[in-house]
PDB file of N, CA and C in Angstrom:
ATOM      1  N   MET A   1       3.731   3.118 -52.740  1.00  0.00           N
ATOM      2  CA  MET A   1       2.488   2.944 -52.410  1.00  0.00           C
ATOM      3  C   MET A   1       1.952   1.736 -53.212  1.00  0.00           C
ATOM      4  N   GLU A   2       1.364   0.690 -52.586  1.00  0.00           N
ATOM      5  CA  GLU A   2       0.651  -0.335 -53.328  1.00  0.00           C
ATOM      6  C   GLU A   2      -0.694   0.070 -53.743  1.00  0.00           C
ATOM      7  N   THR A   3      -1.121  -0.266 -54.970  1.00  0.00           N
ATOM      8  CA  THR A   3      -2.394  -0.008 -55.379  1.00  0.00           C
ATOM      9  C   THR A   3      -3.146  -1.258 -55.875  1.00  0.00           C
ATOM     10  N   VAL A   4      -4.508  -1.013 -55.933  1.00  0.00           N
ATOM     11  CA  VAL A   4      -5.390  -2.061 -56.547  1.00  0.00           C
ATOM     12  C   VAL A   4      -5.889  -1.434 -57.730  1.00  0.00           C
ATOM     13  N   THR A   5      -6.014  -2.376 -58.991  1.00  0.00           N
ATOM     14  CA  THR A   5      -6.635  -1.804 -60.202  1.00  0.00           C
ATOM     15  C   THR A   5      -8.033  -2.237 -59.979  1.00  0.00           C
ATOM     16  N   LEU A   6      -8.986  -1.249 -60.181  1.00  0.00           N
ATOM     17  CA  LEU A   6     -10.430  -1.471 -60.197  1.00  0.00           C
ATOM     18  C   LEU A   6     -10.910  -1.094 -61.498  1.00  0.00           C
ATOM     19  N   TRP A   7     -12.147  -1.479 -61.931  1.00  0.00           N
ATOM     20  CA  TRP A   7     -12.933  -1.172 -63.206  1.00  0.00           C
ATOM     21  C   TRP A   7     -14.271  -0.731 -62.771  1.00  0.00           C
ATOM     22  N   ARG A   8     -14.890   0.028 -63.596  1.00  0.00           N
ATOM     23  CA  ARG A   8     -16.092   0.390 -63.208  1.00  0.00           C
ATOM     24  C   ARG A   8     -16.993   0.698 -64.686  1.00  0.00           C
ATOM     25  N   PRO A   9     -18.037  -0.003 -64.784  1.00  0.00           N
ATOM     26  CA  PRO A   9     -18.752   0.179 -65.979  1.00  0.00           C
ATOM     27  C   PRO A   9     -19.734   1.247 -65.861  1.00  0.00           C
ATOM     28  N   THR A  10     -19.991   2.136 -66.841  1.00  0.00           N
ATOM     29  CA  THR A  10     -20.562   3.286 -66.619  1.00  0.00           C
ATOM     30  C   THR A  10     -21.318   3.788 -67.805  1.00  0.00           C
ATOM     31  N   GLY A  11     -22.206   4.753 -67.643  1.00  0.00           N
ATOM     32  CA  GLY A  11     -22.895   5.276 -68.809  1.00  0.00           C
ATOM     33  C   GLY A  11     -22.448   6.753 -69.062  1.00  0.00           C
ATOM     34  N   PRO A  12     -23.104   7.242 -69.979  1.00  0.00           N
ATOM     35  CA  PRO A  12     -22.594   8.650 -70.464  1.00  0.00           C
ATOM     36  C   PRO A  12     -22.725   9.729 -69.538  1.00  0.00           C
ATOM     37  N   GLU A  13     -23.942   9.703 -68.671  1.00  0.00           N
ATOM     38  CA  GLU A  13     -24.021  10.797 -67.748  1.00  0.00           C
ATOM     39  C   GLU A  13     -22.783  10.660 -66.622  1.00  0.00           C
ATOM     40  N   GLU A  14     -22.631   9.584 -65.928  1.00  0.00           N
ATOM     41  CA  GLU A  14     -21.776   9.477 -64.938  1.00  0.00           C
ATOM     42  C   GLU A  14     -20.350   9.789 -65.550  1.00  0.00           C
ATOM     43  N   LEU A  15     -20.103   9.274 -66.700  1.00  0.00           N
ATOM     44  CA  LEU A  15     -18.698   9.593 -67.356  1.00  0.00           C
ATOM     45  C   LEU A  15     -18.450  11.056 -67.626  1.00  0.00           C
ATOM     46  N   ALA A  16     -19.536  11.784 -67.992  1.00  0.00           N
ATOM     47  CA  ALA A  16     -19.354  13.178 -68.197  1.00  0.00           C
ATOM     48  C   ALA A  16     -19.051  13.954 -66.869  1.00  0.00           C
ATOM     49  N   LEU A  17     -19.514  13.371 -65.857  1.00  0.00           N
ATOM     50  CA  LEU A  17     -19.082  14.127 -64.325  1.00  0.00           C
ATOM     51  C   LEU A  17     -17.711  13.731 -64.059  1.00  0.00           C
ATOM     52  N   VAL A  18     -17.383  12.448 -64.293  1.00  0.00           N
ATOM     53  CA  VAL A  18     -15.872  12.054 -64.232  1.00  0.00           C
ATOM     54  C   VAL A  18     -14.953  12.995 -64.896  1.00  0.00           C
ATOM     55  N   GLU A  19     -15.401  13.150 -66.227  1.00  0.00           N
ATOM     56  CA  GLU A  19     -14.568  14.092 -67.105  1.00  0.00           C
ATOM     57  C   GLU A  19     -14.368  15.522 -66.471  1.00  0.00           C
ATOM     58  N   GLU A  20     -15.631  16.074 -65.967  1.00  0.00           N
ATOM     59  CA  GLU A  20     -15.685  17.382 -65.343  1.00  0.00           C
ATOM     60  C   GLU A  20     -14.643  17.396 -64.212  1.00  0.00           C
ATOM     61  N   SER A  21     -14.525  16.261 -63.547  1.00  0.00           N
ATOM     62  CA  SER A  21     -13.443  16.303 -62.342  1.00  0.00           C
ATOM     63  C   SER A  21     -12.038  16.195 -62.698  1.00  0.00           C
ATOM     64  N   GLY A  22     -11.754  16.352 -64.123  1.00  0.00           N
ATOM     65  CA  GLY A  22     -10.387  16.162 -64.575  1.00  0.00           C
ATOM     66  C   GLY A  22     -10.068  14.561 -64.567  1.00  0.00           C
ATOM     67  N   TRP A  23     -10.844  13.789 -64.595  1.00  0.00           N
ATOM     68  CA  TRP A  23     -10.632  12.320 -64.560  1.00  0.00           C
ATOM     69  C   TRP A  23     -10.010  11.938 -63.290  1.00  0.00           C
ATOM     70  N   ARG A  24     -10.513  12.513 -62.226  1.00  0.00           N
ATOM     71  CA  ARG A  24      -9.815  12.207 -60.976  1.00  0.00           C
ATOM     72  C   ARG A  24     -10.789  11.731 -59.822  1.00  0.00           C
ATOM     73  N   ALA A  25     -12.105  11.901 -60.044  1.00  0.00           N
ATOM     74  CA  ALA A  25     -13.183  11.587 -59.021  1.00  0.00           C
ATOM     75  C   ALA A  25     -14.442  10.940 -59.670  1.00  0.00           C
ATOM     76  N   TRP A  26     -15.064  10.247 -58.762  1.00  0.00           N
ATOM     77  CA  TRP A  26     -16.436   9.690 -59.192  1.00  0.00           C
ATOM     78  C   TRP A  26     -17.350  10.671 -58.587  1.00  0.00           C
ATOM     79  N   PRO A  27     -18.570  10.919 -59.202  1.00  0.00           N
ATOM     80  CA  PRO A  27     -19.326  11.828 -58.544  1.00  0.00           C
ATOM     81  C   PRO A  27     -20.211  11.350 -57.451  1.00  0.00           C
ATOM     82  N   PRO A  28     -20.785  12.215 -56.734  1.00  0.00           N
ATOM     83  CA  PRO A  28     -21.531  11.837 -55.499  1.00  0.00           C
ATOM     84  C   PRO A  28     -22.667  10.743 -55.980  1.00  0.00           C
ATOM     85  N   ARG A  29     -23.153   9.918 -55.176  1.00  0.00           N
ATOM     86  CA  ARG A  29     -24.224   8.868 -55.406  1.00  0.00           C
ATOM     87  C   ARG A  29     -25.632   9.577 -55.306  1.00  0.00           C
ATOM     88  N   LEU A  30     -26.553   9.262 -56.306  1.00  0.00           N
ATOM     89  CA  LEU A  30     -27.824   9.753 -56.169  1.00  0.00           C
ATOM     90  C   LEU A  30     -28.441   9.215 -54.938  1.00  0.00           C
ATOM     91  N   PRO A  31     -29.696   9.718 -54.347  1.00  0.00           N
ATOM     92  CA  PRO A  31     -30.342   9.373 -53.188  1.00  0.00           C
ATOM     93  C   PRO A  31     -30.614   7.778 -53.258  1.00  0.00           C
ATOM     94  N   ASP A  32     -30.944   7.313 -54.306  1.00  0.00           N
ATOM     95  CA  ASP A  32     -31.289   5.858 -54.551  1.00  0.00           C
ATOM     96  C   ASP A  32     -30.103   4.998 -54.710  1.00  0.00           C
ATOM     97  N   GLN A  33     -28.966   5.576 -54.734  1.00  0.00           N
ATOM     98  CA  GLN A  33     -27.635   4.826 -54.732  1.00  0.00           C
ATOM     99  C   GLN A  33     -26.755   4.863 -53.662  1.00  0.00           C
ATOM    100  N   PRO A  34     -27.222   4.072 -52.727  1.00  0.00           N
ATOM    101  CA  PRO A  34     -26.340   4.082 -51.428  1.00  0.00           C
ATOM    102  C   PRO A  34     -25.193   3.376 -51.297  1.00  0.00           C
ATOM    103  N   ILE A  35     -24.718   2.802 -52.422  1.00  0.00           N
ATOM    104  CA  ILE A  35     -23.336   1.921 -52.584  1.00  0.00           C
ATOM    105  C   ILE A  35     -22.694   2.340 -54.011  1.00  0.00           C
ATOM    106  N   PHE A  36     -21.491   2.495 -53.882  1.00  0.00           N
ATOM    107  CA  PHE A  36     -20.587   2.597 -55.130  1.00  0.00           C
ATOM    108  C   PHE A  36     -20.044   1.237 -55.305  1.00  0.00           C
ATOM    109  N   TYR A  37     -20.125   0.752 -56.626  1.00  0.00           N
ATOM    110  CA  TYR A  37     -19.600  -0.622 -56.937  1.00  0.00           C
ATOM    111  C   TYR A  37     -18.521  -0.594 -57.791  1.00  0.00           C
ATOM    112  N   PRO A  38     -17.241  -0.537 -57.518  1.00  0.00           N
ATOM    113  CA  PRO A  38     -16.276  -0.795 -58.437  1.00  0.00           C
ATOM    114  C   PRO A  38     -15.944  -2.236 -58.448  1.00  0.00           C
ATOM    115  N   VAL A  39     -15.636  -2.772 -59.668  1.00  0.00           N
ATOM    116  CA  VAL A  39     -15.482  -4.224 -59.742  1.00  0.00           C
ATOM    117  C   VAL A  39     -13.804  -4.601 -59.909  1.00  0.00           C
ATOM    118  N   LEU A  40     -13.653  -5.936 -59.855  1.00  0.00           N
ATOM    119  CA  LEU A  40     -12.212  -6.294 -59.619  1.00  0.00           C
ATOM    120  C   LEU A  40     -11.549  -6.986 -60.945  1.00  0.00           C
ATOM    121  N   ASN A  41     -12.477  -6.932 -62.134  1.00  0.00           N
ATOM    122  CA  ASN A  41     -11.857  -7.501 -63.254  1.00  0.00           C
ATOM    123  C   ASN A  41     -12.521  -6.857 -64.482  1.00  0.00           C
ATOM    124  N   GLU A  42     -11.855  -6.653 -65.494  1.00  0.00           N
ATOM    125  CA  GLU A  42     -12.370  -5.987 -66.767  1.00  0.00           C
ATOM    126  C   GLU A  42     -13.285  -6.711 -67.455  1.00  0.00           C
ATOM    127  N   ASP A  43     -13.366  -8.186 -67.392  1.00  0.00           N
ATOM    128  CA  ASP A  43     -14.399  -8.867 -67.979  1.00  0.00           C
ATOM    129  C   ASP A  43     -15.795  -8.573 -67.469  1.00  0.00           C
ATOM    130  N   TYR A  44     -15.816  -8.701 -66.051  1.00  0.00           N
ATOM    131  CA  TYR A  44     -17.092  -8.335 -65.364  1.00  0.00           C
ATOM    132  C   TYR A  44     -17.551  -6.970 -65.736  1.00  0.00           C
ATOM    133  N   ALA A  45     -16.668  -5.978 -65.718  1.00  0.00           N
ATOM    134  CA  ALA A  45     -17.127  -4.601 -66.117  1.00  0.00           C
ATOM    135  C   ALA A  45     -17.543  -4.460 -67.523  1.00  0.00           C
ATOM    136  N   THR A  46     -16.987  -5.355 -68.457  1.00  0.00           N
ATOM    137  CA  THR A  46     -17.337  -5.213 -69.794  1.00  0.00           C
ATOM    138  C   THR A  46     -18.780  -5.908 -70.018  1.00  0.00           C
ATOM    139  N   ARG A  47     -18.951  -6.873 -69.432  1.00  0.00           N
ATOM    140  CA  ARG A  47     -20.264  -7.524 -69.522  1.00  0.00           C
ATOM    141  C   ARG A  47     -21.467  -6.468 -68.937  1.00  0.00           C
ATOM    142  N   ILE A  48     -21.167  -5.743 -67.952  1.00  0.00           N
ATOM    143  CA  ILE A  48     -22.219  -4.989 -67.405  1.00  0.00           C
ATOM    144  C   ILE A  48     -22.243  -3.668 -68.354  1.00  0.00           C
ATOM    145  N   ALA A  49     -21.150  -3.174 -68.823  1.00  0.00           N
ATOM    146  CA  ALA A  49     -21.196  -2.002 -69.846  1.00  0.00           C
ATOM    147  C   ALA A  49     -21.867  -2.285 -71.029  1.00  0.00           C
ATOM    148  N   ARG A  50     -21.593  -3.568 -71.642  1.00  0.00           N
ATOM    149  CA  ARG A  50     -22.192  -3.912 -72.888  1.00  0.00           C
ATOM    150  C   ARG A  50     -23.594  -4.427 -72.862  1.00  0.00           C
ATOM    151  N   ASP A  51     -23.922  -5.172 -71.749  1.00  0.00           N
ATOM    152  CA  ASP A  51     -25.105  -5.757 -71.662  1.00  0.00           C
ATOM    153  C   ASP A  51     -26.223  -4.867 -70.949  1.00  0.00           C
ATOM    154  N   TRP A  52     -25.802  -4.092 -69.953  1.00  0.00           N
ATOM    155  CA  TRP A  52     -26.756  -3.206 -69.371  1.00  0.00           C
ATOM    156  C   TRP A  52     -26.705  -1.641 -69.588  1.00  0.00           C
ATOM    157  N   ASN A  53     -25.475  -1.205 -69.741  1.00  0.00           N
ATOM    158  CA  ASN A  53     -25.379   0.419 -69.914  1.00  0.00           C
ATOM    159  C   ASN A  53     -25.920   0.601 -71.338  1.00  0.00           C
ATOM    160  N   VAL A  54     -25.537  -0.189 -72.199  1.00  0.00           N
ATOM    161  CA  VAL A  54     -26.067   0.008 -73.620  1.00  0.00           C
ATOM    162  C   VAL A  54     -27.435   0.059 -73.815  1.00  0.00           C
ATOM    163  N   LYS A  55     -28.035  -0.922 -73.047  1.00  0.00           N
ATOM    164  CA  LYS A  55     -29.696  -0.982 -73.175  1.00  0.00           C
ATOM    165  C   LYS A  55     -30.170   0.174 -72.552  1.00  0.00           C
ATOM    166  N   ALA A  56     -29.472   0.554 -71.353  1.00  0.00           N
ATOM    167  CA  ALA A  56     -30.316   1.738 -70.570  1.00  0.00           C
ATOM    168  C   ALA A  56     -29.962   3.013 -71.181  1.00  0.00           C
ATOM    169  N   SER A  57     -28.852   3.227 -71.865  1.00  0.00           N
ATOM    170  CA  SER A  57     -28.464   4.752 -72.447  1.00  0.00           C
ATOM    171  C   SER A  57     -27.887   4.705 -73.908  1.00  0.00           C
ATOM    172  N   GLY A  58     -27.791   3.615 -74.476  1.00  0.00           N
ATOM    173  CA  GLY A  58     -27.233   3.593 -75.811  1.00  0.00           C
ATOM    174  C   GLY A  58     -25.701   3.427 -75.903  1.00  0.00           C
ATOM    175  N   VAL A  59     -25.041   3.515 -74.858  1.00  0.00           N
ATOM    176  CA  VAL A  59     -23.663   3.513 -74.798  1.00  0.00           C
ATOM    177  C   VAL A  59     -23.077   3.014 -73.379  1.00  0.00           C
ATOM    178  N   GLY A  60     -22.162   2.109 -73.334  1.00  0.00           N
ATOM    179  CA  GLY A  60     -21.698   1.724 -72.026  1.00  0.00           C
ATOM    180  C   GLY A  60     -20.110   1.891 -72.258  1.00  0.00           C
ATOM    181  N   TYR A  61     -19.451   2.349 -71.147  1.00  0.00           N
ATOM    182  CA  TYR A  61     -17.949   2.494 -70.984  1.00  0.00           C
ATOM    183  C   TYR A  61     -17.536   1.569 -69.833  1.00  0.00           C
ATOM    184  N   VAL A  62     -16.280   1.121 -70.146  1.00  0.00           N
ATOM    185  CA  VAL A  62     -15.462   0.521 -69.133  1.00  0.00           C
ATOM    186  C   VAL A  62     -14.473   1.388 -68.658  1.00  0.00           C
ATOM    187  N   THR A  63     -14.345   1.675 -67.370  1.00  0.00           N
ATOM    188  CA  THR A  63     -13.183   2.580 -66.992  1.00  0.00           C
ATOM    189  C   THR A  63     -12.288   1.742 -66.027  1.00  0.00           C
ATOM    190  N   ARG A  64     -11.010   2.249 -65.982  1.00  0.00           N
ATOM    191  CA  ARG A  64     -10.131   1.419 -64.959  1.00  0.00           C
ATOM    192  C   ARG A  64      -9.398   2.642 -64.276  1.00  0.00           C
ATOM    193  N   PHE A  65      -9.111   2.330 -63.102  1.00  0.00           N
ATOM    194  CA  PHE A  65      -8.452   3.317 -62.128  1.00  0.00           C
ATOM    195  C   PHE A  65      -7.731   2.485 -61.110  1.00  0.00           C
ATOM    196  N   GLU A  66      -6.754   3.142 -60.375  1.00  0.00           N
ATOM    197  CA  GLU A  66      -5.934   2.593 -59.267  1.00  0.00           C
ATOM    198  C   GLU A  66      -6.332   3.303 -57.974  1.00  0.00           C
ATOM    199  N   VAL A  67      -6.414   2.469 -56.938  1.00  0.00           N
ATOM    200  CA  VAL A  67      -6.893   2.916 -55.578  1.00  0.00           C
ATOM    201  C   VAL A  67      -5.831   2.375 -54.730  1.00  0.00           C
ATOM    202  N   ALA A  68      -5.382   3.133 -53.667  1.00  0.00           N
ATOM    203  CA  ALA A  68      -4.454   2.883 -52.667  1.00  0.00           C
ATOM    204  C   ALA A  68      -4.794   1.587 -52.005  1.00  0.00           C
ATOM    205  N   LYS A  69      -4.226   0.463 -51.935  1.00  0.00           N
ATOM    206  CA  LYS A  69      -4.688  -0.710 -51.401  1.00  0.00           C
ATOM    207  C   LYS A  69      -4.942  -0.425 -49.718  1.00  0.00           C
ATOM    208  N   GLU A  70      -4.241   0.348 -49.084  1.00  0.00           N
ATOM    209  CA  GLU A  70      -4.436   0.636 -47.605  1.00  0.00           C
ATOM    210  C   GLU A  70      -5.899   1.114 -47.453  1.00  0.00           C
ATOM    211  N   PHE A  71      -6.428   1.929 -48.304  1.00  0.00           N
ATOM    212  CA  PHE A  71      -7.803   2.423 -48.170  1.00  0.00           C
ATOM    213  C   PHE A  71      -8.767   1.319 -48.358  1.00  0.00           C
ATOM    214  N   LEU A  72      -8.566   0.498 -49.496  1.00  0.00           N
ATOM    215  CA  LEU A  72      -9.414  -0.647 -49.765  1.00  0.00           C
ATOM    216  C   LEU A  72      -9.450  -1.765 -48.729  1.00  0.00           C
ATOM    217  N   ASP A  73      -8.293  -1.939 -48.037  1.00  0.00           N
ATOM    218  CA  ASP A  73      -8.271  -3.072 -47.022  1.00  0.00           C
ATOM    219  C   ASP A  73      -9.338  -2.887 -45.876  1.00  0.00           C
ATOM    220  N   GLN A  74     -10.053  -1.859 -45.789  1.00  0.00           N
ATOM    221  CA  GLN A  74     -11.114  -1.856 -44.776  1.00  0.00           C
ATOM    222  C   GLN A  74     -12.373  -2.352 -45.269  1.00  0.00           C
ATOM    223  N   TYR A  75     -12.418  -2.688 -46.565  1.00  0.00           N
ATOM    224  CA  TYR A  75     -13.646  -3.177 -47.151  1.00  0.00           C
ATOM    225  C   TYR A  75     -13.304  -4.648 -47.521  1.00  0.00           C
ATOM    226  N   ASP A  76     -14.433  -5.566 -47.396  1.00  0.00           N
ATOM    227  CA  ASP A  76     -14.355  -6.880 -47.753  1.00  0.00           C
ATOM    228  C   ASP A  76     -14.777  -6.993 -49.332  1.00  0.00           C
ATOM    229  N   ILE A  77     -13.997  -7.897 -50.115  1.00  0.00           N
ATOM    230  CA  ILE A  77     -14.446  -8.077 -51.383  1.00  0.00           C
ATOM    231  C   ILE A  77     -15.791  -8.923 -51.471  1.00  0.00           C
ATOM    232  N   GLN A  78     -16.693  -8.415 -52.276  1.00  0.00           N
ATOM    233  CA  GLN A  78     -18.023  -9.227 -52.282  1.00  0.00           C
ATOM    234  C   GLN A  78     -18.013  -9.973 -53.644  1.00  0.00           C
ATOM    235  N   GLN A  79     -18.590 -11.224 -53.452  1.00  0.00           N
ATOM    236  CA  GLN A  79     -18.859 -12.176 -54.714  1.00  0.00           C
ATOM    237  C   GLN A  79     -20.353 -11.985 -54.840  1.00  0.00           C
ATOM    238  N   ALA A  80     -20.650 -11.387 -56.006  1.00  0.00           N
ATOM    239  CA  ALA A  80     -22.009 -11.073 -56.349  1.00  0.00           C
ATOM    240  C   ALA A  80     -22.644 -11.964 -57.353  1.00  0.00           C
ATOM    241  N   GLY A  81     -21.952 -13.168 -57.650  1.00  0.00           N
ATOM    242  CA  GLY A  81     -22.493 -14.113 -58.524  1.00  0.00           C
ATOM    243  C   GLY A  81     -21.420 -15.245 -58.647  1.00  0.00           C
ATOM    244  N   GLY A  82     -20.954 -15.519 -59.877  1.00  0.00           N
ATOM    245  CA  GLY A  82     -19.920 -16.585 -60.082  1.00  0.00           C
ATOM    246  C   GLY A  82     -18.651 -16.143 -59.381  1.00  0.00           C
ATOM    247  N   ARG A  83     -17.755 -17.047 -59.317  1.00  0.00           N
ATOM    248  CA  ARG A  83     -16.423 -16.747 -58.797  1.00  0.00           C
ATOM    249  C   ARG A  83     -15.687 -15.467 -59.301  1.00  0.00           C
ATOM    250  N   THR A  84     -15.927 -15.045 -60.420  1.00  0.00           N
ATOM    251  CA  THR A  84     -15.234 -14.008 -61.064  1.00  0.00           C
ATOM    252  C   THR A  84     -16.165 -12.626 -60.964  1.00  0.00           C
ATOM    253  N   ILE A  85     -17.284 -12.724 -60.366  1.00  0.00           N
ATOM    254  CA  ILE A  85     -18.045 -11.613 -60.214  1.00  0.00           C
ATOM    255  C   ILE A  85     -17.832 -10.891 -58.879  1.00  0.00           C
ATOM    256  N   LEU A  86     -16.830 -10.109 -58.818  1.00  0.00           N
ATOM    257  CA  LEU A  86     -16.215  -9.641 -57.585  1.00  0.00           C
ATOM    258  C   LEU A  86     -16.244  -8.091 -57.573  1.00  0.00           C
ATOM    259  N   GLU A  87     -16.563  -7.603 -56.608  1.00  0.00           N
ATOM    260  CA  GLU A  87     -16.737  -6.141 -56.516  1.00  0.00           C
ATOM    261  C   GLU A  87     -16.451  -5.572 -54.951  1.00  0.00           C
ATOM    262  N   TYR A  88     -16.232  -4.363 -54.820  1.00  0.00           N
ATOM    263  CA  TYR A  88     -16.154  -3.698 -53.502  1.00  0.00           C
ATOM    264  C   TYR A  88     -17.591  -3.098 -53.308  1.00  0.00           C
ATOM    265  N   TRP A  89     -18.051  -3.042 -52.269  1.00  0.00           N
ATOM    266  CA  TRP A  89     -19.361  -2.300 -51.923  1.00  0.00           C
ATOM    267  C   TRP A  89     -18.894  -0.950 -50.947  1.00  0.00           C
ATOM    268  N   ILE A  90     -18.699   0.010 -51.598  1.00  0.00           N
ATOM    269  CA  ILE A  90     -18.282   1.274 -50.869  1.00  0.00           C
ATOM    270  C   ILE A  90     -19.462   2.185 -50.623  1.00  0.00           C
ATOM    271  N   PRO A  91     -19.754   2.473 -49.293  1.00  0.00           N
ATOM    272  CA  PRO A  91     -20.908   3.216 -48.946  1.00  0.00           C
ATOM    273  C   PRO A  91     -20.809   4.582 -49.541  1.00  0.00           C
ATOM    274  N   ALA A  92     -21.962   5.147 -49.935  1.00  0.00           N
ATOM    275  CA  ALA A  92     -22.031   6.478 -50.556  1.00  0.00           C
ATOM    276  C   ALA A  92     -21.185   7.527 -49.810  1.00  0.00           C
ATOM    277  N   GLU A  93     -21.385   7.353 -48.440  1.00  0.00           N
ATOM    278  CA  GLU A  93     -20.655   8.374 -47.576  1.00  0.00           C
ATOM    279  C   GLU A  93     -19.259   8.275 -47.619  1.00  0.00           C
ATOM    280  N   ASP A  94     -18.748   7.263 -48.093  1.00  0.00           N
ATOM    281  CA  ASP A  94     -17.228   6.841 -48.144  1.00  0.00           C
ATOM    282  C   ASP A  94     -16.591   7.227 -49.508  1.00  0.00           C
ATOM    283  N   LEU A  95     -17.464   7.778 -50.443  1.00  0.00           N
ATOM    284  CA  LEU A  95     -17.001   8.078 -51.741  1.00  0.00           C
ATOM    285  C   LEU A  95     -16.066   9.137 -51.920  1.00  0.00           C
ATOM    286  N   ASP A  96     -15.959  10.251 -51.104  1.00  0.00           N
ATOM    287  CA  ASP A  96     -15.043  11.222 -51.082  1.00  0.00           C
ATOM    288  C   ASP A  96     -13.735  10.644 -50.735  1.00  0.00           C
ATOM    289  N   GLN A  97     -13.675   9.808 -49.602  1.00  0.00           N
ATOM    290  CA  GLN A  97     -12.404   9.061 -49.096  1.00  0.00           C
ATOM    291  C   GLN A  97     -11.855   8.302 -50.335  1.00  0.00           C
ATOM    292  N   LEU A  98     -12.575   7.546 -51.172  1.00  0.00           N
ATOM    293  CA  LEU A  98     -12.115   6.748 -52.125  1.00  0.00           C
ATOM    294  C   LEU A  98     -11.592   7.462 -53.066  1.00  0.00           C
ATOM    295  N   ASN A  99     -12.313   8.744 -53.594  1.00  0.00           N
ATOM    296  CA  ASN A  99     -11.695   9.599 -54.586  1.00  0.00           C
ATOM    297  C   ASN A  99     -10.230  10.329 -54.138  1.00  0.00           C
ATOM    298  N   GLN A 100     -10.211  10.479 -52.945  1.00  0.00           N
ATOM    299  CA  GLN A 100      -8.890  11.010 -52.334  1.00  0.00           C
ATOM    300  C   GLN A 100      -7.778   9.936 -52.449  1.00  0.00           C
ATOM    301  N   ASN A 101      -8.103   8.782 -52.490  1.00  0.00           N
ATOM    302  CA  ASN A 101      -7.205   7.427 -52.567  1.00  0.00           C
ATOM    303  C   ASN A 101      -7.021   6.976 -54.124  1.00  0.00           C
ATOM    304  N   ILE A 102      -7.780   7.684 -54.981  1.00  0.00           N
ATOM    305  CA  ILE A 102      -7.375   7.278 -56.399  1.00  0.00           C
ATOM    306  C   ILE A 102      -5.918   7.722 -56.838  1.00  0.00           C
ATOM    307  N   VAL A 103      -5.234   6.868 -57.406  1.00  0.00           N
ATOM    308  CA  VAL A 103      -3.742   7.276 -57.734  1.00  0.00           C
ATOM    309  C   VAL A 103      -3.884   7.379 -59.199  1.00  0.00           C
ATOM    310  N   GLY A 104      -3.508   8.586 -59.654  1.00  0.00           N
ATOM    311  CA  GLY A 104      -3.600   8.721 -61.158  1.00  0.00           C
ATOM    312  C   GLY A 104      -4.893   9.246 -61.685  1.00  0.00           C
ATOM    313  N   GLN A 105      -5.224   8.851 -62.789  1.00  0.00           N
ATOM    314  CA  GLN A 105      -6.530   9.179 -63.370  1.00  0.00           C
ATOM    315  C   GLN A 105      -7.411   8.094 -63.787  1.00  0.00           C
ATOM    316  N   ILE A 106      -8.681   8.404 -63.784  1.00  0.00           N
ATOM    317  CA  ILE A 106      -9.586   7.398 -64.279  1.00  0.00           C
ATOM    318  C   ILE A 106      -9.612   7.381 -65.841  1.00  0.00           C
ATOM    319  N   GLU A 107      -9.442   6.243 -66.274  1.00  0.00           N
ATOM    320  CA  GLU A 107      -9.323   6.158 -67.847  1.00  0.00           C
ATOM    321  C   GLU A 107     -10.361   5.310 -68.435  1.00  0.00           C
ATOM    322  N   VAL A 108     -10.873   5.654 -69.674  1.00  0.00           N
ATOM    323  CA  VAL A 108     -11.771   4.891 -70.370  1.00  0.00           C
ATOM    324  C   VAL A 108     -11.030   3.791 -71.286  1.00  0.00           C
ATOM    325  N   VAL A 109     -11.178   2.484 -71.001  1.00  0.00           N
ATOM    326  CA  VAL A 109     -10.653   1.461 -71.790  1.00  0.00           C
ATOM    327  C   VAL A 109     -11.344   0.811 -72.763  1.00  0.00           C
ATOM    328  N   ALA A 110     -12.687   1.043 -72.778  1.00  0.00           N
ATOM    329  CA  ALA A 110     -13.574   0.356 -73.914  1.00  0.00           C
ATOM    330  C   ALA A 110     -15.013   1.094 -73.952  1.00  0.00           C
ATOM    331  N   GLU A 111     -15.395   1.130 -75.094  1.00  0.00           N
ATOM    332  CA  GLU A 111     -16.800   1.805 -75.348  1.00  0.00           C
ATOM    333  C   GLU A 111     -17.593   0.802 -76.189  1.00  0.00           C
ATOM    334  N   TYR A 112     -18.889   0.687 -75.791  1.00  0.00           N
ATOM    335  CA  TYR A 112     -19.821  -0.254 -76.471  1.00  0.00           C
ATOM    336  C   TYR A 112     -21.079   0.523 -76.865  1.00  0.00           C
ATOM    337  N   HIS A 113     -21.613   0.187 -78.002  1.00  0.00           N
ATOM    338  CA  HIS A 113     -22.811   0.947 -78.595  1.00  0.00           C
ATOM    339  C   HIS A 113     -23.822  -0.202 -78.929  1.00  0.00           C
TER     340      HIS A 113
END
């Protein structure tokens, strides 16, 4: 099975819920979060974790996970800024399907304070 490596910058609350899932799933979105935004490169995830998550909650994490390419093929890659600012916009109602297509575990690759 072909997979795509994705990264997600996150704060401590979301990361605690990922840990509760056995490092296998992202938690449901809150009502004011209609989209789940995994990103396509570690540098972009690092900038968000370091520059936004640390300011918001005192700590920011960069996570990495693999998703079945066949699942992601139904979504367009979005360019949210410069040419390396790339992300998927997964609707909140599709998050369960995304979680079912995670291959392996979600892992923390960096932590910023």
